[in-house]
Amino acid sequence: MEQGISTFTPAMIVAWTLVAVSFFALAILAYVAIRSRTRRVDLEKSAQAFRSLDIAAFRNLVDADEESFLRNNLPPTKFREIKRQRAWAALLYAWEAGGAATALARIGQAAQQSSDPKIAASGAELAENAFRLRLQTVGAGLHLLTEILVPDLQRRSLPPVVDQYERAADTLFRLGRFSSGAPQLAGSKRA
């Protein structure tokens, strides 16, 4: 047997491949983080993305009384079919609310750079509300996926997505009221 010649075992090849993939994923994450920090915020587009959600329709889709009515008045197979469809629709709303939360976070971050203390404070509050909304939409999405897969389960209450959405909307309204006389938020562009 020769000394000094190393052999690569399949386990070593797999390990080095995983290390290379990890470094590649880390590089992508660093690129995305740096790119999102330097990208300018279009306030009008972000606010429009948030306002475009029909929160009343989402509330109807996740209403426990509505589900109870359907459960009592439909045959079990039809109820499961309708419940799956409603859960899919609610999941899409939750997904869009998550996207809207990201837009709100951008608005909040831009507002935090303002020299006006009221605007900066509202921006911080908006960014915090957006973060909470995003977390709640993730939780609601997981809950709704469970309902899609197992429609016979009784609905537990969803995370307070609607309430958090309304809090964020109030903060966005206040921010708009404060900044309506301000020329432009730092780091933002207007269409």
N, C-alpha and C. Protein backbone atom coordinates (compact mmCIF):
# COMPACT_ATOMS: atom_id res chain seq x y z
N MET A 1 0.84 -1.17 0.00
CA MET A 1 0.00 0.00 0.00
C MET A 1 0.89 1.23 0.00
N GLU A 2 0.59 2.18 -0.88
CA GLU A 2 1.43 3.37 -1.02
C GLU A 2 1.04 4.41 0.01
N GLN A 3 2.06 5.06 0.55
CA GLN A 3 1.84 6.15 1.51
C GLN A 3 1.73 7.46 0.73
N GLY A 4 0.95 8.44 1.25
CA GLY A 4 0.88 9.76 0.66
C GLY A 4 -0.20 9.92 -0.40
N ILE A 5 -0.79 8.87 -0.87
CA ILE A 5 -1.86 9.00 -1.86
C ILE A 5 -3.17 8.97 -1.09
N SER A 6 -3.92 10.04 -1.23
CA SER A 6 -5.20 10.08 -0.51
C SER A 6 -6.31 9.60 -1.44
N THR A 7 -7.23 8.93 -0.87
CA THR A 7 -8.38 8.47 -1.63
C THR A 7 -9.61 9.16 -1.08
N PHE A 8 -10.44 9.55 -2.00
CA PHE A 8 -11.68 10.19 -1.60
C PHE A 8 -12.77 9.14 -1.50
N THR A 9 -13.33 9.04 -0.32
CA THR A 9 -14.42 8.10 -0.13
C THR A 9 -15.73 8.79 -0.54
N PRO A 10 -16.74 8.03 -0.82
CA PRO A 10 -18.02 8.66 -1.17
C PRO A 10 -18.52 9.61 -0.07
N ALA A 11 -18.29 9.29 1.18
CA ALA A 11 -18.73 10.16 2.28
C ALA A 11 -18.00 11.50 2.23
N MET A 12 -16.73 11.49 1.90
CA MET A 12 -15.98 12.75 1.81
C MET A 12 -16.46 13.59 0.63
N ILE A 13 -16.79 12.93 -0.46
CA ILE A 13 -17.29 13.66 -1.62
C ILE A 13 -18.62 14.33 -1.29
N VAL A 14 -19.50 13.60 -0.62
CA VAL A 14 -20.78 14.16 -0.21
C VAL A 14 -20.56 15.33 0.75
N ALA A 15 -19.67 15.18 1.70
CA ALA A 15 -19.41 16.24 2.67
C ALA A 15 -18.89 17.49 1.97
N TRP A 16 -17.95 17.35 1.07
CA TRP A 16 -17.40 18.52 0.36
C TRP A 16 -18.44 19.14 -0.56
N THR A 17 -19.29 18.32 -1.13
CA THR A 17 -20.37 18.86 -1.97
C THR A 17 -21.32 19.69 -1.12
N LEU A 18 -21.68 19.19 0.06
CA LEU A 18 -22.55 19.95 0.96
C LEU A 18 -21.90 21.27 1.39
N VAL A 19 -20.62 21.25 1.65
CA VAL A 19 -19.91 22.48 2.01
C VAL A 19 -19.97 23.47 0.85
N ALA A 20 -19.75 23.02 -0.38
CA ALA A 20 -19.79 23.90 -1.54
C ALA A 20 -21.20 24.48 -1.74
N VAL A 21 -22.21 23.63 -1.60
CA VAL A 21 -23.59 24.10 -1.74
C VAL A 21 -23.91 25.11 -0.65
N SER A 22 -23.45 24.89 0.56
CA SER A 22 -23.70 25.82 1.66
C SER A 22 -23.07 27.17 1.38
N PHE A 23 -21.84 27.18 0.89
CA PHE A 23 -21.19 28.45 0.56
C PHE A 23 -21.91 29.17 -0.57
N PHE A 24 -22.39 28.42 -1.54
CA PHE A 24 -23.15 29.01 -2.64
C PHE A 24 -24.44 29.64 -2.13
N ALA A 25 -25.16 28.93 -1.25
CA ALA A 25 -26.40 29.46 -0.68
C ALA A 25 -26.12 30.70 0.17
N LEU A 26 -25.03 30.69 0.91
CA LEU A 26 -24.66 31.85 1.71
C LEU A 26 -24.35 33.05 0.82
N ALA A 27 -23.68 32.82 -0.29
CA ALA A 27 -23.39 33.90 -1.23
C ALA A 27 -24.67 34.49 -1.81
N ILE A 28 -25.64 33.64 -2.13
CA ILE A 28 -26.92 34.12 -2.67
C ILE A 28 -27.64 34.95 -1.61
N LEU A 29 -27.68 34.48 -0.37
CA LEU A 29 -28.33 35.23 0.70
C LEU A 29 -27.66 36.59 0.91
N ALA A 30 -26.34 36.62 0.88
CA ALA A 30 -25.62 37.89 1.05
C ALA A 30 -25.95 38.84 -0.10
N TYR A 31 -26.00 38.32 -1.32
CA TYR A 31 -26.34 39.16 -2.47
C TYR A 31 -27.75 39.74 -2.32
N VAL A 32 -28.70 38.91 -1.95
CA VAL A 32 -30.09 39.38 -1.80
C VAL A 32 -30.18 40.42 -0.68
N ALA A 33 -29.49 40.19 0.42
CA ALA A 33 -29.53 41.14 1.53
C ALA A 33 -28.93 42.48 1.13
N ILE A 34 -27.81 42.46 0.44
CA ILE A 34 -27.18 43.71 0.01
C ILE A 34 -28.03 44.41 -1.04
N ARG A 35 -28.58 43.65 -1.96
CA ARG A 35 -29.41 44.24 -3.01
C ARG A 35 -30.67 44.88 -2.44
N SER A 36 -31.30 44.22 -1.47
CA SER A 36 -32.53 44.78 -0.91
C SER A 36 -32.24 46.02 -0.07
N ARG A 37 -31.06 46.13 0.49
CA ARG A 37 -30.68 47.31 1.26
C ARG A 37 -30.47 48.52 0.37
N THR A 38 -29.98 48.30 -0.84
CA THR A 38 -29.66 49.42 -1.71
C THR A 38 -30.79 49.77 -2.67
N ARG A 39 -31.80 48.92 -2.75
CA ARG A 39 -32.90 49.19 -3.67
C ARG A 39 -33.78 50.31 -3.12
N ARG A 40 -34.19 51.18 -4.00
CA ARG A 40 -35.04 52.30 -3.60
C ARG A 40 -36.49 51.82 -3.43
N VAL A 41 -37.21 52.50 -2.59
CA VAL A 41 -38.57 52.12 -2.27
C VAL A 41 -39.55 52.98 -3.05
N ASP A 42 -40.45 52.35 -3.77
CA ASP A 42 -41.52 53.06 -4.45
C ASP A 42 -42.71 53.07 -3.50
N LEU A 43 -42.90 54.19 -2.80
CA LEU A 43 -43.94 54.26 -1.77
C LEU A 43 -45.33 54.04 -2.33
N GLU A 44 -45.60 54.64 -3.47
CA GLU A 44 -46.95 54.51 -4.04
C GLU A 44 -47.27 53.05 -4.38
N LYS A 45 -46.31 52.37 -4.98
CA LYS A 45 -46.53 50.97 -5.37
C LYS A 45 -46.67 50.08 -4.13
N SER A 46 -45.85 50.32 -3.12
CA SER A 46 -45.93 49.53 -1.89
C SER A 46 -47.26 49.75 -1.18
N ALA A 47 -47.69 51.00 -1.08
CA ALA A 47 -48.97 51.30 -0.43
C ALA A 47 -50.12 50.69 -1.21
N GLN A 48 -50.06 50.74 -2.54
CA GLN A 48 -51.12 50.16 -3.37
C GLN A 48 -51.20 48.66 -3.19
N ALA A 49 -50.04 48.00 -3.07
CA ALA A 49 -50.03 46.55 -2.86
C ALA A 49 -50.74 46.21 -1.55
N PHE A 50 -50.56 47.01 -0.54
CA PHE A 50 -51.20 46.77 0.75
C PHE A 50 -52.70 47.03 0.68
N ARG A 51 -53.07 48.12 0.05
CA ARG A 51 -54.49 48.50 0.01
C ARG A 51 -55.33 47.62 -0.92
N SER A 52 -54.68 46.88 -1.82
CA SER A 52 -55.42 46.11 -2.81
C SER A 52 -56.08 44.86 -2.24
N LEU A 53 -55.71 44.47 -1.02
CA LEU A 53 -56.31 43.26 -0.44
C LEU A 53 -57.75 43.52 0.02
N ASP A 54 -58.62 42.56 -0.27
CA ASP A 54 -60.01 42.63 0.18
C ASP A 54 -60.10 41.88 1.51
N ILE A 55 -59.86 42.59 2.59
CA ILE A 55 -59.78 41.96 3.91
C ILE A 55 -61.14 41.44 4.38
N ALA A 56 -62.22 42.06 3.90
CA ALA A 56 -63.57 41.58 4.26
C ALA A 56 -63.81 40.19 3.66
N ALA A 57 -63.35 39.97 2.44
CA ALA A 57 -63.50 38.64 1.82
C ALA A 57 -62.67 37.61 2.58
N PHE A 58 -61.46 37.98 2.98
CA PHE A 58 -60.63 37.05 3.76
C PHE A 58 -61.32 36.71 5.08
N ARG A 59 -61.86 37.73 5.74
CA ARG A 59 -62.57 37.51 7.01
C ARG A 59 -63.72 36.53 6.82
N ASN A 60 -64.46 36.65 5.71
CA ASN A 60 -65.57 35.75 5.43
C ASN A 60 -65.07 34.32 5.23
N LEU A 61 -63.94 34.16 4.55
CA LEU A 61 -63.41 32.83 4.27
C LEU A 61 -62.97 32.09 5.53
N VAL A 62 -62.55 32.82 6.56
CA VAL A 62 -62.05 32.18 7.78
C VAL A 62 -63.04 32.29 8.94
N ASP A 63 -64.25 32.72 8.66
CA ASP A 63 -65.25 32.90 9.71
C ASP A 63 -65.75 31.54 10.21
N ALA A 64 -65.64 31.33 11.51
CA ALA A 64 -66.05 30.05 12.12
C ALA A 64 -67.56 29.84 12.02
N ASP A 65 -68.35 30.91 12.13
CA ASP A 65 -69.80 30.78 12.01
C ASP A 65 -70.21 30.35 10.60
N GLU A 66 -69.52 30.90 9.61
CA GLU A 66 -69.79 30.53 8.22
C GLU A 66 -69.46 29.05 8.00
N GLU A 67 -68.34 28.60 8.55
CA GLU A 67 -67.97 27.19 8.42
C GLU A 67 -68.99 26.30 9.12
N SER A 68 -69.43 26.71 10.28
CA SER A 68 -70.43 25.93 11.01
C SER A 68 -71.73 25.83 10.21
N PHE A 69 -72.14 26.95 9.61
CA PHE A 69 -73.33 26.94 8.77
C PHE A 69 -73.18 25.95 7.62
N LEU A 70 -72.03 25.99 6.94
CA LEU A 70 -71.81 25.08 5.82
C LEU A 70 -71.76 23.62 6.28
N ARG A 71 -71.13 23.37 7.42
CA ARG A 71 -71.04 22.00 7.96
C ARG A 71 -72.43 21.45 8.26
N ASN A 72 -73.32 22.30 8.79
CA ASN A 72 -74.66 21.86 9.17
C ASN A 72 -75.61 21.72 7.99
N ASN A 73 -75.33 22.41 6.87
CA ASN A 73 -76.28 22.44 5.76
C ASN A 73 -75.83 21.74 4.49
N LEU A 74 -74.64 21.16 4.50
CA LEU A 74 -74.15 20.46 3.31
C LEU A 74 -73.86 19.00 3.65
N PRO A 75 -73.99 18.12 2.66
CA PRO A 75 -73.56 16.74 2.89
C PRO A 75 -72.05 16.72 3.17
N PRO A 76 -71.56 15.75 3.93
CA PRO A 76 -70.15 15.73 4.32
C PRO A 76 -69.16 15.82 3.16
N THR A 77 -69.43 15.11 2.06
CA THR A 77 -68.48 15.17 0.94
C THR A 77 -68.46 16.55 0.29
N LYS A 78 -69.64 17.14 0.15
CA LYS A 78 -69.71 18.49 -0.43
C LYS A 78 -69.08 19.51 0.52
N PHE A 79 -69.30 19.33 1.82
CA PHE A 79 -68.69 20.24 2.80
C PHE A 79 -67.17 20.20 2.71
N ARG A 80 -66.59 18.99 2.63
CA ARG A 80 -65.13 18.88 2.55
C ARG A 80 -64.60 19.55 1.28
N GLU A 81 -65.33 19.36 0.18
CA GLU A 81 -64.92 20.00 -1.08
C GLU A 81 -64.94 21.53 -0.96
N ILE A 82 -66.03 22.06 -0.41
CA ILE A 82 -66.17 23.52 -0.26
C ILE A 82 -65.14 24.05 0.75
N LYS A 83 -64.92 23.31 1.81
CA LYS A 83 -63.96 23.76 2.81
C LYS A 83 -62.55 23.83 2.22
N ARG A 84 -62.20 22.84 1.41
CA ARG A 84 -60.88 22.87 0.76
C ARG A 84 -60.76 24.08 -0.16
N GLN A 85 -61.80 24.36 -0.94
CA GLN A 85 -61.77 25.50 -1.84
C GLN A 85 -61.64 26.82 -1.05
N ARG A 86 -62.39 26.92 0.03
CA ARG A 86 -62.32 28.14 0.86
C ARG A 86 -60.95 28.26 1.52
N ALA A 87 -60.39 27.14 1.96
CA ALA A 87 -59.07 27.18 2.59
C ALA A 87 -58.00 27.58 1.57
N TRP A 88 -58.11 27.09 0.32
CA TRP A 88 -57.17 27.49 -0.72
C TRP A 88 -57.27 29.00 -0.97
N ALA A 89 -58.50 29.49 -1.07
CA ALA A 89 -58.69 30.92 -1.31
C ALA A 89 -58.12 31.74 -0.14
N ALA A 90 -58.38 31.29 1.08
CA ALA A 90 -57.86 31.99 2.26
C ALA A 90 -56.33 31.92 2.29
N LEU A 91 -55.77 30.79 1.86
CA LEU A 91 -54.31 30.67 1.80
C LEU A 91 -53.73 31.68 0.82
N LEU A 92 -54.39 31.86 -0.32
CA LEU A 92 -53.92 32.86 -1.29
C LEU A 92 -54.00 34.27 -0.69
N TYR A 93 -55.05 34.56 0.04
CA TYR A 93 -55.16 35.86 0.72
C TYR A 93 -54.03 36.02 1.74
N ALA A 94 -53.76 34.98 2.50
CA ALA A 94 -52.68 35.06 3.49
C ALA A 94 -51.34 35.28 2.80
N TRP A 95 -51.14 34.62 1.67
CA TRP A 95 -49.90 34.80 0.91
C TRP A 95 -49.78 36.26 0.45
N GLU A 96 -50.87 36.81 -0.08
CA GLU A 96 -50.85 38.20 -0.53
C GLU A 96 -50.67 39.17 0.65
N ALA A 97 -51.28 38.84 1.78
CA ALA A 97 -51.08 39.68 2.97
C ALA A 97 -49.62 39.66 3.41
N GLY A 98 -48.97 38.52 3.25
CA GLY A 98 -47.54 38.44 3.55
C GLY A 98 -46.73 39.33 2.62
N GLY A 99 -47.09 39.31 1.34
CA GLY A 99 -46.43 40.21 0.38
C GLY A 99 -46.69 41.67 0.71
N ALA A 100 -47.91 41.96 1.13
CA ALA A 100 -48.25 43.33 1.53
C ALA A 100 -47.46 43.73 2.77
N ALA A 101 -47.23 42.79 3.67
CA ALA A 101 -46.44 43.09 4.87
C ALA A 101 -45.01 43.45 4.48
N THR A 102 -44.48 42.79 3.47
CA THR A 102 -43.15 43.12 2.99
C THR A 102 -43.13 44.54 2.43
N ALA A 103 -44.17 44.89 1.68
CA ALA A 103 -44.27 46.25 1.14
C ALA A 103 -44.37 47.27 2.28
N LEU A 104 -45.13 46.93 3.31
CA LEU A 104 -45.26 47.83 4.46
C LEU A 104 -43.93 48.01 5.16
N ALA A 105 -43.18 46.94 5.28
CA ALA A 105 -41.87 47.04 5.93
C ALA A 105 -40.98 48.01 5.15
N ARG A 106 -41.05 47.97 3.83
CA ARG A 106 -40.27 48.90 3.02
C ARG A 106 -40.68 50.35 3.29
N ILE A 107 -41.99 50.57 3.36
CA ILE A 107 -42.47 51.92 3.65
C ILE A 107 -42.00 52.36 5.03
N GLY A 108 -42.13 51.47 6.01
CA GLY A 108 -41.70 51.80 7.37
C GLY A 108 -40.22 52.09 7.46
N GLN A 109 -39.41 51.32 6.76
CA GLN A 109 -37.97 51.55 6.78
C GLN A 109 -37.62 52.89 6.14
N ALA A 110 -38.31 53.22 5.05
CA ALA A 110 -38.06 54.51 4.41
C ALA A 110 -38.48 55.66 5.32
N ALA A 111 -39.62 55.50 6.01
CA ALA A 111 -40.12 56.55 6.89
C ALA A 111 -39.21 56.75 8.10
N GLN A 112 -38.56 55.70 8.54
CA GLN A 112 -37.66 55.83 9.69
C GLN A 112 -36.48 56.75 9.40
N GLN A 113 -36.16 56.95 8.14
CA GLN A 113 -35.05 57.82 7.75
C GLN A 113 -35.43 59.28 7.73
N SER A 114 -36.71 59.59 7.96
CA SER A 114 -37.18 60.97 7.90
C SER A 114 -36.61 61.81 9.04
N SER A 115 -36.43 63.09 8.77
CA SER A 115 -35.95 64.00 9.81
C SER A 115 -37.10 64.42 10.74
N ASP A 116 -38.34 64.23 10.31
CA ASP A 116 -39.50 64.55 11.14
C ASP A 116 -39.70 63.42 12.15
N PRO A 117 -39.65 63.73 13.47
CA PRO A 117 -39.76 62.67 14.48
C PRO A 117 -41.09 61.91 14.43
N LYS A 118 -42.18 62.58 14.08
CA LYS A 118 -43.47 61.89 13.99
C LYS A 118 -43.47 60.85 12.87
N ILE A 119 -42.91 61.24 11.73
CA ILE A 119 -42.84 60.32 10.60
C ILE A 119 -41.92 59.15 10.93
N ALA A 120 -40.77 59.45 11.54
CA ALA A 120 -39.82 58.39 11.89
C ALA A 120 -40.43 57.42 12.90
N ALA A 121 -41.16 57.94 13.88
CA ALA A 121 -41.80 57.08 14.89
C ALA A 121 -42.89 56.22 14.25
N SER A 122 -43.69 56.82 13.37
CA SER A 122 -44.72 56.05 12.68
C SER A 122 -44.10 55.00 11.77
N GLY A 123 -42.96 55.34 11.16
CA GLY A 123 -42.25 54.37 10.32
C GLY A 123 -41.78 53.18 11.12
N ALA A 124 -41.25 53.44 12.31
CA ALA A 124 -40.80 52.34 13.17
C ALA A 124 -41.98 51.46 13.58
N GLU A 125 -43.09 52.09 13.93
CA GLU A 125 -44.29 51.34 14.31
C GLU A 125 -44.82 50.53 13.12
N LEU A 126 -44.79 51.13 11.94
CA LEU A 126 -45.26 50.44 10.75
C LEU A 126 -44.38 49.23 10.42
N ALA A 127 -43.07 49.40 10.53
CA ALA A 127 -42.15 48.28 10.26
C ALA A 127 -42.39 47.16 11.27
N GLU A 128 -42.63 47.50 12.53
CA GLU A 128 -42.90 46.48 13.55
C GLU A 128 -44.22 45.77 13.27
N ASN A 129 -45.26 46.53 12.92
CA ASN A 129 -46.55 45.92 12.59
C ASN A 129 -46.42 45.02 11.36
N ALA A 130 -45.62 45.45 10.40
CA ALA A 130 -45.42 44.65 9.19
C ALA A 130 -44.74 43.33 9.53
N PHE A 131 -43.75 43.38 10.41
CA PHE A 131 -43.07 42.15 10.82
C PHE A 131 -44.04 41.20 11.51
N ARG A 132 -44.85 41.73 12.41
CA ARG A 132 -45.85 40.88 13.10
C ARG A 132 -46.85 40.31 12.12
N LEU A 133 -47.29 41.14 11.19
CA LEU A 133 -48.24 40.67 10.18
C LEU A 133 -47.63 39.54 9.35
N ARG A 134 -46.38 39.69 8.97
CA ARG A 134 -45.70 38.66 8.18
C ARG A 134 -45.63 37.34 8.95
N LEU A 135 -45.27 37.42 10.23
CA LEU A 135 -45.22 36.20 11.05
C LEU A 135 -46.59 35.55 11.16
N GLN A 136 -47.61 36.36 11.34
CA GLN A 136 -48.96 35.81 11.47
C GLN A 136 -49.47 35.22 10.16
N THR A 137 -49.07 35.79 9.04
CA THR A 137 -49.50 35.21 7.77
C THR A 137 -48.83 33.86 7.53
N VAL A 138 -47.60 33.71 7.99
CA VAL A 138 -46.93 32.41 7.88
C VAL A 138 -47.67 31.38 8.73
N GLY A 139 -48.01 31.75 9.98
CA GLY A 139 -48.76 30.84 10.85
C GLY A 139 -50.12 30.50 10.28
N ALA A 140 -50.81 31.50 9.74
CA ALA A 140 -52.12 31.26 9.14
C ALA A 140 -51.99 30.36 7.92
N GLY A 141 -50.94 30.56 7.14
CA GLY A 141 -50.73 29.71 5.96
C GLY A 141 -50.55 28.26 6.33
N LEU A 142 -49.77 28.00 7.38
CA LEU A 142 -49.59 26.62 7.84
C LEU A 142 -50.89 26.02 8.34
N HIS A 143 -51.64 26.83 9.06
CA HIS A 143 -52.94 26.38 9.58
C HIS A 143 -53.89 26.06 8.41
N LEU A 144 -53.91 26.92 7.41
CA LEU A 144 -54.79 26.70 6.26
C LEU A 144 -54.36 25.50 5.43
N LEU A 145 -53.07 25.27 5.33
CA LEU A 145 -52.61 24.06 4.63
C LEU A 145 -53.09 22.81 5.35
N THR A 146 -53.10 22.84 6.66
CA THR A 146 -53.63 21.71 7.43
C THR A 146 -55.10 21.51 7.13
N GLU A 147 -55.84 22.59 7.02
CA GLU A 147 -57.27 22.48 6.69
C GLU A 147 -57.49 21.92 5.29
N ILE A 148 -56.61 22.26 4.37
CA ILE A 148 -56.74 21.74 3.01
C ILE A 148 -56.50 20.23 3.02
N LEU A 149 -55.50 19.81 3.76
CA LEU A 149 -55.15 18.39 3.79
C LEU A 149 -56.13 17.56 4.61
N VAL A 150 -56.65 18.13 5.70
CA VAL A 150 -57.56 17.40 6.58
C VAL A 150 -58.79 18.28 6.84
N PRO A 151 -59.72 18.33 5.87
CA PRO A 151 -60.85 19.25 6.00
C PRO A 151 -61.85 18.88 7.10
N ASP A 152 -61.79 17.66 7.63
CA ASP A 152 -62.74 17.27 8.67
C ASP A 152 -62.40 17.83 10.04
N LEU A 153 -61.20 18.35 10.20
CA LEU A 153 -60.83 18.93 11.49
C LEU A 153 -61.67 20.17 11.78
N GLN A 154 -62.05 20.32 13.03
CA GLN A 154 -62.75 21.52 13.43
C GLN A 154 -61.76 22.67 13.39
N ARG A 155 -62.20 23.80 12.89
CA ARG A 155 -61.32 24.97 12.77
C ARG A 155 -61.00 25.54 14.14
N ARG A 156 -59.70 25.64 14.38
CA ARG A 156 -59.26 26.41 15.54
C ARG A 156 -59.13 27.84 15.06
N SER A 157 -59.04 28.75 15.98
CA SER A 157 -58.94 30.14 15.53
C SER A 157 -57.60 30.37 14.84
N LEU A 158 -57.67 31.14 13.79
CA LEU A 158 -56.46 31.51 13.06
C LEU A 158 -55.70 32.55 13.88
N PRO A 159 -54.40 32.68 13.62
CA PRO A 159 -53.69 33.79 14.26
C PRO A 159 -54.41 35.10 13.89
N PRO A 160 -54.28 36.10 14.71
CA PRO A 160 -55.06 37.34 14.49
C PRO A 160 -54.54 38.15 13.29
N VAL A 161 -54.57 37.54 12.12
CA VAL A 161 -54.06 38.18 10.92
C VAL A 161 -54.87 39.43 10.59
N VAL A 162 -56.19 39.31 10.66
CA VAL A 162 -57.05 40.43 10.29
C VAL A 162 -56.83 41.62 11.23
N ASP A 163 -56.75 41.34 12.53
CA ASP A 163 -56.52 42.42 13.49
C ASP A 163 -55.18 43.10 13.24
N GLN A 164 -54.15 42.31 12.99
CA GLN A 164 -52.82 42.88 12.75
C GLN A 164 -52.82 43.66 11.44
N TYR A 165 -53.54 43.18 10.45
CA TYR A 165 -53.65 43.89 9.18
C TYR A 165 -54.29 45.26 9.39
N GLU A 166 -55.34 45.28 10.20
CA GLU A 166 -56.03 46.55 10.45
C GLU A 166 -55.16 47.52 11.26
N ARG A 167 -54.38 46.99 12.21
CA ARG A 167 -53.43 47.85 12.94
C ARG A 167 -52.41 48.47 12.00
N ALA A 168 -51.91 47.64 11.10
CA ALA A 168 -50.93 48.14 10.13
C ALA A 168 -51.57 49.18 9.20
N ALA A 169 -52.82 48.95 8.82
CA ALA A 169 -53.51 49.92 7.96
C ALA A 169 -53.68 51.25 8.68
N ASP A 170 -54.02 51.21 9.96
CA ASP A 170 -54.15 52.45 10.74
C ASP A 170 -52.82 53.19 10.80
N THR A 171 -51.74 52.46 11.03
CA THR A 171 -50.42 53.08 11.10
C THR A 171 -50.04 53.67 9.74
N LEU A 172 -50.34 52.96 8.66
CA LEU A 172 -50.06 53.47 7.32
C LEU A 172 -50.86 54.74 7.06
N PHE A 173 -52.11 54.77 7.51
CA PHE A 173 -52.94 55.96 7.34
C PHE A 173 -52.34 57.14 8.10
N ARG A 174 -51.91 56.91 9.35
CA ARG A 174 -51.29 57.98 10.13
C ARG A 174 -50.01 58.47 9.47
N LEU A 175 -49.21 57.53 8.98
CA LEU A 175 -47.96 57.90 8.31
C LEU A 175 -48.25 58.75 7.09
N GLY A 176 -49.26 58.37 6.32
CA GLY A 176 -49.64 59.16 5.15
C GLY A 176 -50.12 60.54 5.53
N ARG A 177 -50.83 60.64 6.63
CA ARG A 177 -51.31 61.93 7.11
C ARG A 177 -50.14 62.82 7.54
N PHE A 178 -49.16 62.21 8.25
CA PHE A 178 -48.00 62.98 8.70
C PHE A 178 -47.14 63.43 7.53
N SER A 179 -46.95 62.54 6.57
CA SER A 179 -45.99 62.84 5.50
C SER A 179 -46.62 63.51 4.30
N SER A 180 -47.94 63.77 4.32
CA SER A 180 -48.57 64.37 3.15
C SER A 180 -48.00 65.75 2.85
N GLY A 181 -47.55 66.46 3.86
CA GLY A 181 -46.94 67.76 3.63
C GLY A 181 -45.45 67.67 3.46
N ALA A 182 -44.86 66.53 3.79
CA ALA A 182 -43.41 66.37 3.68
C ALA A 182 -43.05 66.16 2.22
N PRO A 183 -41.91 66.69 1.79
CA PRO A 183 -41.54 66.57 0.39
C PRO A 183 -41.34 65.14 -0.06
N GLN A 184 -40.47 64.37 0.59
CA GLN A 184 -40.19 63.00 0.18
C GLN A 184 -39.45 62.31 1.28
N LEU A 185 -39.81 61.05 1.55
CA LEU A 185 -39.11 60.29 2.58
C LEU A 185 -37.74 59.90 2.08
N ALA A 186 -36.76 59.89 2.96
CA ALA A 186 -35.41 59.52 2.58
C ALA A 186 -35.39 58.10 2.05
N GLY A 187 -34.66 57.87 1.00
CA GLY A 187 -34.53 56.53 0.44
C GLY A 187 -35.72 56.09 -0.38
N SER A 188 -36.60 57.02 -0.69
CA SER A 188 -37.78 56.61 -1.44
C SER A 188 -37.85 57.38 -2.74
N LYS A 189 -38.67 56.87 -3.63
CA LYS A 189 -38.95 57.59 -4.87
C LYS A 189 -40.44 57.55 -5.07
N ARG A 190 -40.96 58.56 -5.63
CA ARG A 190 -42.39 58.60 -5.93
C ARG A 190 -42.59 58.60 -7.42
N ALA A 191 -43.65 57.94 -7.83
CA ALA A 191 -43.90 57.83 -9.28
C ALA A 191 -44.37 59.13 -9.86
